[in-house]
PDB file of N, CA and C in Angstrom:
ATOM      1  N   MET A   1      20.061-124.175  46.546  1.00  0.00           N
ATOM      2  CA  MET A   1      18.972-125.069  46.166  1.00  0.00           C
ATOM      3  C   MET A   1      17.912-124.275  45.401  1.00  0.00           C
ATOM      4  N   ALA A   2      17.475-124.839  44.307  1.00  0.00           N
ATOM      5  CA  ALA A   2      16.493-124.179  43.456  1.00  0.00           C
ATOM      6  C   ALA A   2      15.103-124.238  44.085  1.00  0.00           C
ATOM      7  N   THR A   3      14.394-123.117  43.989  1.00  0.00           N
ATOM      8  CA  THR A   3      13.024-123.067  44.485  1.00  0.00           C
ATOM      9  C   THR A   3      12.097-123.645  43.420  1.00  0.00           C
ATOM     10  N   PRO A   4      10.884-124.047  43.802  1.00  0.00           N
ATOM     11  CA  PRO A   4       9.936-124.544  42.797  1.00  0.00           C
ATOM     12  C   PRO A   4       9.670-123.519  41.688  1.00  0.00           C
ATOM     13  N   GLU A   5       9.572-122.235  42.060  1.00  0.00           N
ATOM     14  CA  GLU A   5       9.317-121.220  41.043  1.00  0.00           C
ATOM     15  C   GLU A   5      10.520-121.047  40.117  1.00  0.00           C
ATOM     16  N   SER A   6      11.721-121.142  40.653  1.00  0.00           N
ATOM     17  CA  SER A   6      12.904-121.006  39.792  1.00  0.00           C
ATOM     18  C   SER A   6      12.989-122.163  38.800  1.00  0.00           C
ATOM     19  N   LYS A   7      12.502-123.334  39.194  1.00  0.00           N
ATOM     20  CA  LYS A   7      12.468-124.471  38.271  1.00  0.00           C
ATOM     21  C   LYS A   7      11.491-124.205  37.118  1.00  0.00           C
ATOM     22  N   VAL A   8      10.349-123.585  37.435  1.00  0.00           N
ATOM     23  CA  VAL A   8       9.384-123.217  36.395  1.00  0.00           C
ATOM     24  C   VAL A   8      10.017-122.191  35.456  1.00  0.00           C
ATOM     25  N   LYS A   9      10.720-121.206  36.027  1.00  0.00           N
ATOM     26  CA  LYS A   9      11.365-120.185  35.202  1.00  0.00           C
ATOM     27  C   LYS A   9      12.390-120.806  34.263  1.00  0.00           C
ATOM     28  N   GLU A  10      13.120-121.787  34.717  1.00  0.00           N
ATOM     29  CA  GLU A  10      14.102-122.459  33.852  1.00  0.00           C
ATOM     30  C   GLU A  10      13.409-123.169  32.694  1.00  0.00           C
ATOM     31  N   LYS A  11      12.267-123.777  32.958  1.00  0.00           N
ATOM     32  CA  LYS A  11      11.510-124.451  31.893  1.00  0.00           C
ATOM     33  C   LYS A  11      10.968-123.436  30.896  1.00  0.00           C
ATOM     34  N   ILE A  12      10.521-122.288  31.400  1.00  0.00           N
ATOM     35  CA  ILE A  12      10.031-121.227  30.514  1.00  0.00           C
ATOM     36  C   ILE A  12      11.170-120.732  29.633  1.00  0.00           C
ATOM     37  N   LYS A  13      12.325-120.492  30.219  1.00  0.00           N
ATOM     38  CA  LYS A  13      13.494-120.045  29.444  1.00  0.00           C
ATOM     39  C   LYS A  13      13.819-121.037  28.328  1.00  0.00           C
ATOM     40  N   LYS A  14      13.783-122.312  28.657  1.00  0.00           N
ATOM     41  CA  LYS A  14      14.095-123.352  27.669  1.00  0.00           C
ATOM     42  C   LYS A  14      13.131-123.283  26.490  1.00  0.00           C
ATOM     43  N   ILE A  15      11.853-123.154  26.776  1.00  0.00           N
ATOM     44  CA  ILE A  15      10.835-123.068  25.712  1.00  0.00           C
ATOM     45  C   ILE A  15      11.066-121.821  24.866  1.00  0.00           C
ATOM     46  N   LEU A  16      11.307-120.684  25.509  1.00  0.00           N
ATOM     47  CA  LEU A  16      11.523-119.444  24.766  1.00  0.00           C
ATOM     48  C   LEU A  16      12.746-119.552  23.860  1.00  0.00           C
ATOM     49  N   LYS A  17      13.819-120.122  24.384  1.00  0.00           N
ATOM     50  CA  LYS A  17      15.039-120.288  23.586  1.00  0.00           C
ATOM     51  C   LYS A  17      14.803-121.214  22.400  1.00  0.00           C
ATOM     52  N   GLU A  18      14.072-122.296  22.626  1.00  0.00           N
ATOM     53  CA  GLU A  18      13.779-123.249  21.536  1.00  0.00           C
ATOM     54  C   GLU A  18      13.047-122.577  20.383  1.00  0.00           C
ATOM     55  N   HIS A  19      12.259-121.553  20.696  1.00  0.00           N
ATOM     56  CA  HIS A  19      11.461-120.868  19.676  1.00  0.00           C
ATOM     57  C   HIS A  19      12.123-119.582  19.186  1.00  0.00           C
ATOM     58  N   GLY A  20      13.327-119.311  19.640  1.00  0.00           N
ATOM     59  CA  GLY A  20      14.040-118.117  19.183  1.00  0.00           C
ATOM     60  C   GLY A  20      13.440-116.818  19.661  1.00  0.00           C
ATOM     61  N   ALA A  21      12.738-116.857  20.771  1.00  0.00           N
ATOM     62  CA  ALA A  21      12.106-115.654  21.311  1.00  0.00           C
ATOM     63  C   ALA A  21      13.124-114.817  22.085  1.00  0.00           C
ATOM     64  N   TYR A  22      12.970-113.507  22.007  1.00  0.00           N
ATOM     65  CA  TYR A  22      13.741-112.608  22.856  1.00  0.00           C
ATOM     66  C   TYR A  22      13.026-112.538  24.194  1.00  0.00           C
ATOM     67  N   TYR A  23      13.782-112.516  25.271  1.00  0.00           N
ATOM     68  CA  TYR A  23      13.165-112.297  26.574  1.00  0.00           C
ATOM     69  C   TYR A  23      14.114-111.569  27.508  1.00  0.00           C
ATOM     70  N   ALA A  24      13.525-110.871  28.450  1.00  0.00           N
ATOM     71  CA  ALA A  24      14.255-110.214  29.525  1.00  0.00           C
ATOM     72  C   ALA A  24      13.485-110.483  30.805  1.00  0.00           C
ATOM     73  N   MET A  25      14.229-110.555  31.880  1.00  0.00           N
ATOM     74  CA  MET A  25      13.617-110.779  33.191  1.00  0.00           C
ATOM     75  C   MET A  25      13.939-109.574  34.074  1.00  0.00           C
ATOM     76  N   PRO A  26      13.005-108.619  34.160  1.00  0.00           N
ATOM     77  CA  PRO A  26      13.273-107.424  34.952  1.00  0.00           C
ATOM     78  C   PRO A  26      13.418-107.766  36.437  1.00  0.00           C
ATOM     79  N   MET A  27      14.364-107.117  37.067  1.00  0.00           N
ATOM     80  CA  MET A  27      14.577-107.343  38.500  1.00  0.00           C
ATOM     81  C   MET A  27      13.673-106.407  39.287  1.00  0.00           C
ATOM     82  N   GLY A  28      13.003-106.955  40.268  1.00  0.00           N
ATOM     83  CA  GLY A  28      12.157-106.139  41.120  1.00  0.00           C
ATOM     84  C   GLY A  28      13.014-105.355  42.108  1.00  0.00           C
ATOM     85  N   THR A  29      12.967-104.044  41.984  1.00  0.00           N
ATOM     86  CA  THR A  29      13.691-103.182  42.911  1.00  0.00           C
ATOM     87  C   THR A  29      12.765-102.068  43.350  1.00  0.00           C
ATOM     88  N   GLY A  30      13.217-101.280  44.274  1.00  0.00           N
ATOM     89  CA  GLY A  30      12.429-100.141  44.730  1.00  0.00           C
ATOM     90  C   GLY A  30      12.246 -99.078  43.664  1.00  0.00           C
ATOM     91  N   TYR A  31      13.042 -99.160  42.584  1.00  0.00           N
ATOM     92  CA  TYR A  31      12.974 -98.164  41.522  1.00  0.00           C
ATOM     93  C   TYR A  31      12.157 -98.617  40.326  1.00  0.00           C
ATOM     94  N   GLY A  32      11.813 -99.888  40.266  1.00  0.00           N
ATOM     95  CA  GLY A  32      11.069-100.424  39.136  1.00  0.00           C
ATOM     96  C   GLY A  32       9.568-100.315  39.341  1.00  0.00           C
ATOM     97  N   SER A  33       8.836-100.819  38.384  1.00  0.00           N
ATOM     98  CA  SER A  33       7.378-100.844  38.467  1.00  0.00           C
ATOM     99  C   SER A  33       6.935-102.139  39.133  1.00  0.00           C
ATOM    100  N   SER A  34       6.090-102.041  40.096  1.00  0.00           N
ATOM    101  CA  SER A  34       5.571-103.227  40.784  1.00  0.00           C
ATOM    102  C   SER A  34       4.594-103.969  39.885  1.00  0.00           C
ATOM    103  N   GLY A  35       4.587-105.284  40.004  1.00  0.00           N
ATOM    104  CA  GLY A  35       3.627-106.099  39.276  1.00  0.00           C
ATOM    105  C   GLY A  35       4.024-106.436  37.857  1.00  0.00           C
ATOM    106  N   VAL A  36       5.221-106.025  37.419  1.00  0.00           N
ATOM    107  CA  VAL A  36       5.674-106.342  36.060  1.00  0.00           C
ATOM    108  C   VAL A  36       5.882-107.851  35.972  1.00  0.00           C
ATOM    109  N   PRO A  37       5.474-108.480  34.866  1.00  0.00           N
ATOM    110  CA  PRO A  37       5.647-109.933  34.729  1.00  0.00           C
ATOM    111  C   PRO A  37       7.109-110.356  34.848  1.00  0.00           C
ATOM    112  N   ASP A  38       7.312-111.621  35.191  1.00  0.00           N
ATOM    113  CA  ASP A  38       8.660-112.163  35.342  1.00  0.00           C
ATOM    114  C   ASP A  38       9.442-112.163  34.032  1.00  0.00           C
ATOM    115  N   PHE A  39       8.742-112.355  32.921  1.00  0.00           N
ATOM    116  CA  PHE A  39       9.375-112.385  31.604  1.00  0.00           C
ATOM    117  C   PHE A  39       8.706-111.366  30.698  1.00  0.00           C
ATOM    118  N   LEU A  40       9.507-110.542  30.053  1.00  0.00           N
ATOM    119  CA  LEU A  40       9.041-109.638  29.005  1.00  0.00           C
ATOM    120  C   LEU A  40       9.658-110.159  27.715  1.00  0.00           C
ATOM    121  N   CYS A  41       8.809-110.553  26.770  1.00  0.00           N
ATOM    122  CA  CYS A  41       9.284-111.279  25.592  1.00  0.00           C
ATOM    123  C   CYS A  41       8.803-110.636  24.298  1.00  0.00           C
ATOM    124  N   CYS A  42       9.525-110.975  23.231  1.00  0.00           N
ATOM    125  CA  CYS A  42       9.088-110.648  21.885  1.00  0.00           C
ATOM    126  C   CYS A  42       9.128-111.937  21.076  1.00  0.00           C
ATOM    127  N   VAL A  43       7.975-112.308  20.546  1.00  0.00           N
ATOM    128  CA  VAL A  43       7.850-113.527  19.742  1.00  0.00           C
ATOM    129  C   VAL A  43       7.239-113.133  18.404  1.00  0.00           C
ATOM    130  N   ASN A  44       8.021-113.264  17.340  1.00  0.00           N
ATOM    131  CA  ASN A  44       7.553-112.932  15.996  1.00  0.00           C
ATOM    132  C   ASN A  44       6.979-111.512  15.930  1.00  0.00           C
ATOM    133  N   GLY A  45       7.580-110.603  16.674  1.00  0.00           N
ATOM    134  CA  GLY A  45       7.135-109.211  16.665  1.00  0.00           C
ATOM    135  C   GLY A  45       6.026-108.896  17.651  1.00  0.00           C
ATOM    136  N   TYR A  46       5.571-109.862  18.415  1.00  0.00           N
ATOM    137  CA  TYR A  46       4.502-109.654  19.387  1.00  0.00           C
ATOM    138  C   TYR A  46       5.056-109.636  20.806  1.00  0.00           C
ATOM    139  N   PHE A  47       4.541-108.719  21.589  1.00  0.00           N
ATOM    140  CA  PHE A  47       4.940-108.590  22.983  1.00  0.00           C
ATOM    141  C   PHE A  47       4.206-109.645  23.799  1.00  0.00           C
ATOM    142  N   VAL A  48       4.954-110.343  24.649  1.00  0.00           N
ATOM    143  CA  VAL A  48       4.373-111.375  25.510  1.00  0.00           C
ATOM    144  C   VAL A  48       4.894-111.161  26.931  1.00  0.00           C
ATOM    145  N   GLY A  49       3.990-111.075  27.875  1.00  0.00           N
ATOM    146  CA  GLY A  49       4.347-110.994  29.291  1.00  0.00           C
ATOM    147  C   GLY A  49       3.999-112.304  29.964  1.00  0.00           C
ATOM    148  N   ILE A  50       4.951-112.855  30.721  1.00  0.00           N
ATOM    149  CA  ILE A  50       4.730-114.139  31.381  1.00  0.00           C
ATOM    150  C   ILE A  50       5.002-114.014  32.864  1.00  0.00           C
ATOM    151  N   GLU A  51       4.038-114.376  33.656  1.00  0.00           N
ATOM    152  CA  GLU A  51       4.207-114.450  35.113  1.00  0.00           C
ATOM    153  C   GLU A  51       4.387-115.919  35.466  1.00  0.00           C
ATOM    154  N   ALA A  52       5.487-116.228  36.143  1.00  0.00           N
ATOM    155  CA  ALA A  52       5.785-117.608  36.538  1.00  0.00           C
ATOM    156  C   ALA A  52       5.319-117.859  37.962  1.00  0.00           C
ATOM    157  N   LYS A  53       4.683-118.983  38.156  1.00  0.00           N
ATOM    158  CA  LYS A  53       4.243-119.406  39.486  1.00  0.00           C
ATOM    159  C   LYS A  53       4.540-120.894  39.632  1.00  0.00           C
ATOM    160  N   ALA A  54       4.546-121.343  40.848  1.00  0.00           N
ATOM    161  CA  ALA A  54       4.762-122.771  41.100  1.00  0.00           C
ATOM    162  C   ALA A  54       3.664-123.279  42.014  1.00  0.00           C
ATOM    163  N   GLY A  55       3.343-124.551  41.848  1.00  0.00           N
ATOM    164  CA  GLY A  55       2.349-125.173  42.720  1.00  0.00           C
ATOM    165  C   GLY A  55       1.023-124.451  42.667  1.00  0.00           C
ATOM    166  N   LYS A  56       0.526-124.111  43.833  1.00  0.00           N
ATOM    167  CA  LYS A  56      -0.765-123.424  43.926  1.00  0.00           C
ATOM    168  C   LYS A  56      -0.612-121.913  43.968  1.00  0.00           C
ATOM    169  N   GLY A  57       0.585-121.411  43.649  1.00  0.00           N
ATOM    170  CA  GLY A  57       0.822-119.971  43.631  1.00  0.00           C
ATOM    171  C   GLY A  57      -0.089-119.282  42.626  1.00  0.00           C
ATOM    172  N   VAL A  58      -0.578-118.133  42.995  1.00  0.00           N
ATOM    173  CA  VAL A  58      -1.459-117.366  42.124  1.00  0.00           C
ATOM    174  C   VAL A  58      -0.901-115.960  41.958  1.00  0.00           C
ATOM    175  N   ALA A  59      -1.218-115.357  40.837  1.00  0.00           N
ATOM    176  CA  ALA A  59      -0.791-113.993  40.573  1.00  0.00           C
ATOM    177  C   ALA A  59      -1.533-113.033  41.502  1.00  0.00           C
ATOM    178  N   THR A  60      -0.841-111.983  41.904  1.00  0.00           N
ATOM    179  CA  THR A  60      -1.459-110.960  42.747  1.00  0.00           C
ATOM    180  C   THR A  60      -2.386-110.102  41.902  1.00  0.00           C
ATOM    181  N   ALA A  61      -3.201-109.302  42.560  1.00  0.00           N
ATOM    182  CA  ALA A  61      -4.105-108.404  41.843  1.00  0.00           C
ATOM    183  C   ALA A  61      -3.311-107.444  40.960  1.00  0.00           C
ATOM    184  N   LEU A  62      -2.193-106.936  41.445  1.00  0.00           N
ATOM    185  CA  LEU A  62      -1.381-106.013  40.654  1.00  0.00           C
ATOM    186  C   LEU A  62      -0.749-106.723  39.453  1.00  0.00           C
ATOM    187  N   GLN A  63      -0.292-107.947  39.644  1.00  0.00           N
ATOM    188  CA  GLN A  63       0.247-108.711  38.521  1.00  0.00           C
ATOM    189  C   GLN A  63      -0.826-108.960  37.473  1.00  0.00           C
ATOM    190  N   LEU A  64      -2.026-109.322  37.904  1.00  0.00           N
ATOM    191  CA  LEU A  64      -3.126-109.549  36.965  1.00  0.00           C
ATOM    192  C   LEU A  64      -3.494-108.265  36.222  1.00  0.00           C
ATOM    193  N   LYS A  65      -3.438-107.121  36.914  1.00  0.00           N
ATOM    194  CA  LYS A  65      -3.714-105.845  36.259  1.00  0.00           C
ATOM    195  C   LYS A  65      -2.694-105.596  35.158  1.00  0.00           C
ATOM    196  N   ASN A  66      -1.423-105.815  35.454  1.00  0.00           N
ATOM    197  CA  ASN A  66      -0.385-105.614  34.448  1.00  0.00           C
ATOM    198  C   ASN A  66      -0.569-106.560  33.263  1.00  0.00           C
ATOM    199  N   LEU A  67      -0.890-107.823  33.532  1.00  0.00           N
ATOM    200  CA  LEU A  67      -1.126-108.779  32.451  1.00  0.00           C
ATOM    201  C   LEU A  67      -2.321-108.343  31.603  1.00  0.00           C
ATOM    202  N   GLY A  68      -3.353-107.849  32.249  1.00  0.00           N
ATOM    203  CA  GLY A  68      -4.522-107.341  31.525  1.00  0.00           C
ATOM    204  C   GLY A  68      -4.183-106.127  30.675  1.00  0.00           C
ATOM    205  N   ASP A  69      -3.334-105.242  31.216  1.00  0.00           N
ATOM    206  CA  ASP A  69      -2.910-104.062  30.462  1.00  0.00           C
ATOM    207  C   ASP A  69      -2.136-104.467  29.207  1.00  0.00           C
ATOM    208  N   ILE A  70      -1.331-105.521  29.307  1.00  0.00           N
ATOM    209  CA  ILE A  70      -0.597-106.020  28.141  1.00  0.00           C
ATOM    210  C   ILE A  70      -1.589-106.492  27.079  1.00  0.00           C
ATOM    211  N   ASN A  71      -2.607-107.239  27.492  1.00  0.00           N
ATOM    212  CA  ASN A  71      -3.629-107.717  26.546  1.00  0.00           C
ATOM    213  C   ASN A  71      -4.363-106.541  25.897  1.00  0.00           C
ATOM    214  N   THR A  72      -4.724-105.546  26.704  1.00  0.00           N
ATOM    215  CA  THR A  72      -5.438-104.377  26.196  1.00  0.00           C
ATOM    216  C   THR A  72      -4.606-103.635  25.158  1.00  0.00           C
ATOM    217  N   ALA A  73      -3.287-103.631  25.350  1.00  0.00           N
ATOM    218  CA  ALA A  73      -2.388-102.943  24.424  1.00  0.00           C
ATOM    219  C   ALA A  73      -2.094-103.769  23.167  1.00  0.00           C
ATOM    220  N   GLY A  74      -2.672-104.970  23.067  1.00  0.00           N
ATOM    221  CA  GLY A  74      -2.508-105.783  21.873  1.00  0.00           C
ATOM    222  C   GLY A  74      -1.477-106.889  21.998  1.00  0.00           C
ATOM    223  N   GLY A  75      -0.892-107.045  23.183  1.00  0.00           N
ATOM    224  CA  GLY A  75       0.078-108.107  23.403  1.00  0.00           C
ATOM    225  C   GLY A  75      -0.586-109.358  23.932  1.00  0.00           C
ATOM    226  N   TYR A  76       0.239-110.273  24.340  1.00  0.00           N
ATOM    227  CA  TYR A  76      -0.214-111.530  24.930  1.00  0.00           C
ATOM    228  C   TYR A  76       0.320-111.598  26.353  1.00  0.00           C
ATOM    229  N   SER A  77      -0.426-112.230  27.216  1.00  0.00           N
ATOM    230  CA  SER A  77       0.063-112.431  28.579  1.00  0.00           C
ATOM    231  C   SER A  77      -0.476-113.746  29.119  1.00  0.00           C
ATOM    232  N   CYS A  78       0.282-114.315  30.070  1.00  0.00           N
ATOM    233  CA  CYS A  78      -0.161-115.568  30.664  1.00  0.00           C
ATOM    234  C   CYS A  78       0.541-115.792  31.998  1.00  0.00           C
ATOM    235  N   VAL A  79      -0.100-116.603  32.818  1.00  0.00           N
ATOM    236  CA  VAL A  79       0.485-117.079  34.068  1.00  0.00           C
ATOM    237  C   VAL A  79       0.817-118.545  33.824  1.00  0.00           C
ATOM    238  N   ILE A  80       2.086-118.885  34.006  1.00  0.00           N
ATOM    239  CA  ILE A  80       2.558-120.228  33.684  1.00  0.00           C
ATOM    240  C   ILE A  80       3.107-120.900  34.929  1.00  0.00           C
ATOM    241  N   ASN A  81       2.697-122.156  35.133  1.00  0.00           N
ATOM    242  CA  ASN A  81       3.278-122.974  36.205  1.00  0.00           C
ATOM    243  C   ASN A  81       3.693-124.318  35.605  1.00  0.00           C
ATOM    244  N   GLU A  82       4.149-125.214  36.453  1.00  0.00           N
ATOM    245  CA  GLU A  82       4.653-126.495  35.948  1.00  0.00           C
ATOM    246  C   GLU A  82       3.565-127.352  35.305  1.00  0.00           C
ATOM    247  N   ASN A  83       2.307-127.017  35.523  1.00  0.00           N
ATOM    248  CA  ASN A  83       1.204-127.819  34.989  1.00  0.00           C
ATOM    249  C   ASN A  83       0.618-127.292  33.686  1.00  0.00           C
ATOM    250  N   ASN A  84       1.023-126.097  33.260  1.00  0.00           N
ATOM    251  CA  ASN A  84       0.431-125.562  32.030  1.00  0.00           C
ATOM    252  C   ASN A  84       1.485-125.003  31.068  1.00  0.00           C
ATOM    253  N   LEU A  85       2.657-125.600  31.066  1.00  0.00           N
ATOM    254  CA  LEU A  85       3.699-125.179  30.128  1.00  0.00           C
ATOM    255  C   LEU A  85       3.237-125.326  28.679  1.00  0.00           C
ATOM    256  N   ASP A  86       2.333-126.262  28.423  1.00  0.00           N
ATOM    257  CA  ASP A  86       1.796-126.436  27.074  1.00  0.00           C
ATOM    258  C   ASP A  86       1.028-125.197  26.616  1.00  0.00           C
ATOM    259  N   TYR A  87       0.451-124.450  27.559  1.00  0.00           N
ATOM    260  CA  TYR A  87      -0.258-123.219  27.195  1.00  0.00           C
ATOM    261  C   TYR A  87       0.722-122.188  26.639  1.00  0.00           C
ATOM    262  N   LEU A  88       1.910-122.110  27.221  1.00  0.00           N
ATOM    263  CA  LEU A  88       2.930-121.200  26.695  1.00  0.00           C
ATOM    264  C   LEU A  88       3.274-121.578  25.261  1.00  0.00           C
ATOM    265  N   GLU A  89       3.373-122.869  24.990  1.00  0.00           N
ATOM    266  CA  GLU A  89       3.633-123.328  23.617  1.00  0.00           C
ATOM    267  C   GLU A  89       2.523-122.853  22.675  1.00  0.00           C
ATOM    268  N   LYS A  90       1.272-122.859  23.141  1.00  0.00           N
ATOM    269  CA  LYS A  90       0.145-122.416  22.315  1.00  0.00           C
ATOM    270  C   LYS A  90       0.220-120.916  22.055  1.00  0.00           C
ATOM    271  N   VAL A  91       0.587-120.140  23.073  1.00  0.00           N
ATOM    272  CA  VAL A  91       0.725-118.690  22.909  1.00  0.00           C
ATOM    273  C   VAL A  91       1.811-118.389  21.868  1.00  0.00           C
ATOM    274  N   ILE A  92       2.940-119.072  21.990  1.00  0.00           N
ATOM    275  CA  ILE A  92       4.035-118.866  21.039  1.00  0.00           C
ATOM    276  C   ILE A  92       3.597-119.255  19.630  1.00  0.00           C
ATOM    277  N   ALA A  93       2.897-120.378  19.497  1.00  0.00           N
ATOM    278  CA  ALA A  93       2.413-120.803  18.178  1.00  0.00           C
ATOM    279  C   ALA A  93       1.477-119.757  17.579  1.00  0.00           C
ATOM    280  N   GLU A  94       0.613-119.182  18.397  1.00  0.00           N
ATOM    281  CA  GLU A  94      -0.305-118.155  17.893  1.00  0.00           C
ATOM    282  C   GLU A  94       0.470-116.928  17.423  1.00  0.00           C
ATOM    283  N   CYS A  95       1.490-116.529  18.157  1.00  0.00           N
ATOM    284  CA  CYS A  95       2.322-115.394  17.738  1.00  0.00           C
ATOM    285  C   CYS A  95       3.013-115.693  16.409  1.00  0.00           C
ATOM    286  N   LYS A  96       3.467-116.908  16.246  1.00  0.00           N
ATOM    287  CA  LYS A  96       4.178-117.284  15.016  1.00  0.00           C
ATOM    288  C   LYS A  96       3.239-117.399  13.819  1.00  0.00           C
ATOM    289  N   GLU A  97       1.975-117.720  14.064  1.00  0.00           N
ATOM    290  CA  GLU A  97       0.998-117.866  12.980  1.00  0.00           C
ATOM    291  C   GLU A  97       0.528-116.518  12.474  1.00  0.00           C
ATOM    292  N   ARG A  98       0.553-115.512  13.323  1.00  0.00           N
ATOM    293  CA  ARG A  98       0.070-114.179  12.931  1.00  0.00           C
ATOM    294  C   ARG A  98       1.142-113.474  12.108  1.00  0.00           C
ATOM    295  N   THR A  99       0.710-112.741  11.134  1.00  0.00           N
ATOM    296  CA  THR A  99       1.650-111.971  10.313  1.00  0.00           C
ATOM    297  C   THR A  99       1.253-110.531  10.243  1.00  0.00           C
TER     298      THR A  99
END
């Protein structure tokens, strides 16, 4: 049975595929970096980090730090849930508009 968050991730994947974006979903293991976003993407040459949440789920302090670090490095980052998928569309549009 699919979890609410996995349903959000499927919707994010669909949007990314529709826009021809590259994405990878790093697996959280004891050897990886903690707090890495659920999706690491490239849209029109721009790095985008996406943290997926469902319902009232919120990003942890470490996840927010990583998302902030992506922004500081010149990329885009966002926390996406089932209620703000349109924001992801706006981020992708902004990446596509920039040259």
